[in-house]
Amino acid sequence: MSYEPGSPECRSLIDAKENILNAMSSLNRIQEADHIRSQLLNIYNELEELHELRRNQENSKA
């Protein structure tokens, strides 16, 4: 991700999303992990929603 964080909260969300992506990538080699990858994708999407809200809040302050 090349997005430059605007706040510590954004940095934390970016880090969390990157960690989820890394976990999903690691699980790609395990066939029995489809359900776990699906759950991680849902968590990633929730984090993305939080990040979008945070970006909008920061942009409205500027």
C-alpha atoms as a PDB file:
ATOM      1  CA  MET A   1       0.000   0.000   0.000  1.00  0.00           C
ATOM      2  CA  SER A   2       1.359   3.369  -0.944  1.00  0.00           C
ATOM      3  CA  TYR A   3      -1.128   5.454   1.052  1.00  0.00           C
ATOM      4  CA  GLU A   4       0.545   7.900   3.415  1.00  0.00           C
ATOM      5  CA  PRO A   5      -1.273   7.902   6.752  1.00  0.00           C
ATOM      6  CA  GLY A   6      -2.709  11.151   8.026  1.00  0.00           C
ATOM      7  CA  SER A   7      -2.899  10.145  11.678  1.00  0.00           C
ATOM      8  CA  PRO A   8      -1.772   7.460  14.096  1.00  0.00           C
ATOM      9  CA  GLU A   9      -5.231   5.899  13.774  1.00  0.00           C
ATOM     10  CA  CYS A  10      -4.853   5.632  10.004  1.00  0.00           C
ATOM     11  CA  ARG A  11      -1.387   4.130  10.401  1.00  0.00           C
ATOM     12  CA  SER A  12      -2.803   1.518  12.771  1.00  0.00           C
ATOM     13  CA  LEU A  13      -5.593   0.655  10.357  1.00  0.00           C
ATOM     14  CA  ILE A  14      -3.148   0.392   7.452  1.00  0.00           C
ATOM     15  CA  ASP A  15      -0.883  -1.884   9.516  1.00  0.00           C
ATOM     16  CA  ALA A  16      -3.814  -4.066  10.542  1.00  0.00           C
ATOM     17  CA  LYS A  17      -4.990  -4.410   6.945  1.00  0.00           C
ATOM     18  CA  GLU A  18      -1.470  -5.322   5.784  1.00  0.00           C
ATOM     19  CA  ASN A  19      -1.245  -7.965   8.505  1.00  0.00           C
ATOM     20  CA  ILE A  20      -4.576  -9.450   7.421  1.00  0.00           C
ATOM     21  CA  LEU A  21      -3.363  -9.582   3.806  1.00  0.00           C
ATOM     22  CA  ASN A  22      -0.168 -11.320   4.919  1.00  0.00           C
ATOM     23  CA  ALA A  23      -2.155 -13.875   6.911  1.00  0.00           C
ATOM     24  CA  MET A  24      -4.444 -14.536   3.956  1.00  0.00           C
ATOM     25  CA  SER A  25      -1.435 -14.988   1.692  1.00  0.00           C
ATOM     26  CA  SER A  26       0.135 -17.461   4.100  1.00  0.00           C
ATOM     27  CA  LEU A  27      -3.079 -19.456   4.221  1.00  0.00           C
ATOM     28  CA  ASN A  28      -3.267 -19.746   0.423  1.00  0.00           C
ATOM     29  CA  ARG A  29      -1.049 -22.833   0.675  1.00  0.00           C
ATOM     30  CA  ILE A  30      -3.505 -24.607   2.981  1.00  0.00           C
ATOM     31  CA  GLN A  31      -6.551 -26.055   1.242  1.00  0.00           C
ATOM     32  CA  GLU A  32      -8.486 -26.567   4.458  1.00  0.00           C
ATOM     33  CA  ALA A  33      -8.242 -22.880   5.327  1.00  0.00           C
ATOM     34  CA  ASP A  34     -10.932 -21.555   2.981  1.00  0.00           C
ATOM     35  CA  HIS A  35     -13.274 -20.684   5.846  1.00  0.00           C
ATOM     36  CA  ILE A  36     -10.515 -18.872   7.735  1.00  0.00           C
ATOM     37  CA  ARG A  37      -9.538 -16.887   4.627  1.00  0.00           C
ATOM     38  CA  SER A  38     -13.189 -15.930   4.197  1.00  0.00           C
ATOM     39  CA  GLN A  39     -13.374 -14.691   7.781  1.00  0.00           C
ATOM     40  CA  LEU A  40     -10.150 -12.739   7.343  1.00  0.00           C
ATOM     41  CA  LEU A  41     -11.527 -11.139   4.186  1.00  0.00           C
ATOM     42  CA  ASN A  42     -14.607 -10.029   6.131  1.00  0.00           C
ATOM     43  CA  ILE A  43     -12.376  -8.549   8.832  1.00  0.00           C
ATOM     44  CA  TYR A  44     -10.252  -6.823   6.186  1.00  0.00           C
ATOM     45  CA  ASN A  45     -13.395  -5.285   4.671  1.00  0.00           C
ATOM     46  CA  GLU A  46     -14.534  -4.051   8.090  1.00  0.00           C
ATOM     47  CA  LEU A  47     -11.123  -2.471   8.660  1.00  0.00           C
ATOM     48  CA  GLU A  48     -11.331  -0.843   5.239  1.00  0.00           C
ATOM     49  CA  GLU A  49     -14.699   0.662   6.165  1.00  0.00           C
ATOM     50  CA  LEU A  50     -13.236   2.037   9.409  1.00  0.00           C
ATOM     51  CA  HIS A  51     -10.285   3.417   7.488  1.00  0.00           C
ATOM     52  CA  GLU A  52     -12.562   5.112   4.967  1.00  0.00           C
ATOM     53  CA  LEU A  53     -14.551   6.707   7.795  1.00  0.00           C
ATOM     54  CA  ARG A  54     -11.331   7.913   9.400  1.00  0.00           C
ATOM     55  CA  ARG A  55     -10.039   9.361   6.101  1.00  0.00           C
ATOM     56  CA  ASN A  56     -13.341  11.178   5.577  1.00  0.00           C
ATOM     57  CA  GLN A  57     -13.190  12.622   9.106  1.00  0.00           C
ATOM     58  CA  GLU A  58      -9.642  13.840   8.562  1.00  0.00           C
ATOM     59  CA  ASN A  59     -10.446  15.302   5.142  1.00  0.00           C
ATOM     60  CA  SER A  60     -13.421  17.205   6.556  1.00  0.00           C
ATOM     61  CA  LYS A  61     -11.164  18.832   9.169  1.00  0.00           C
ATOM     62  CA  ALA A  62      -8.747  20.118   6.524  1.00  0.00           C
END
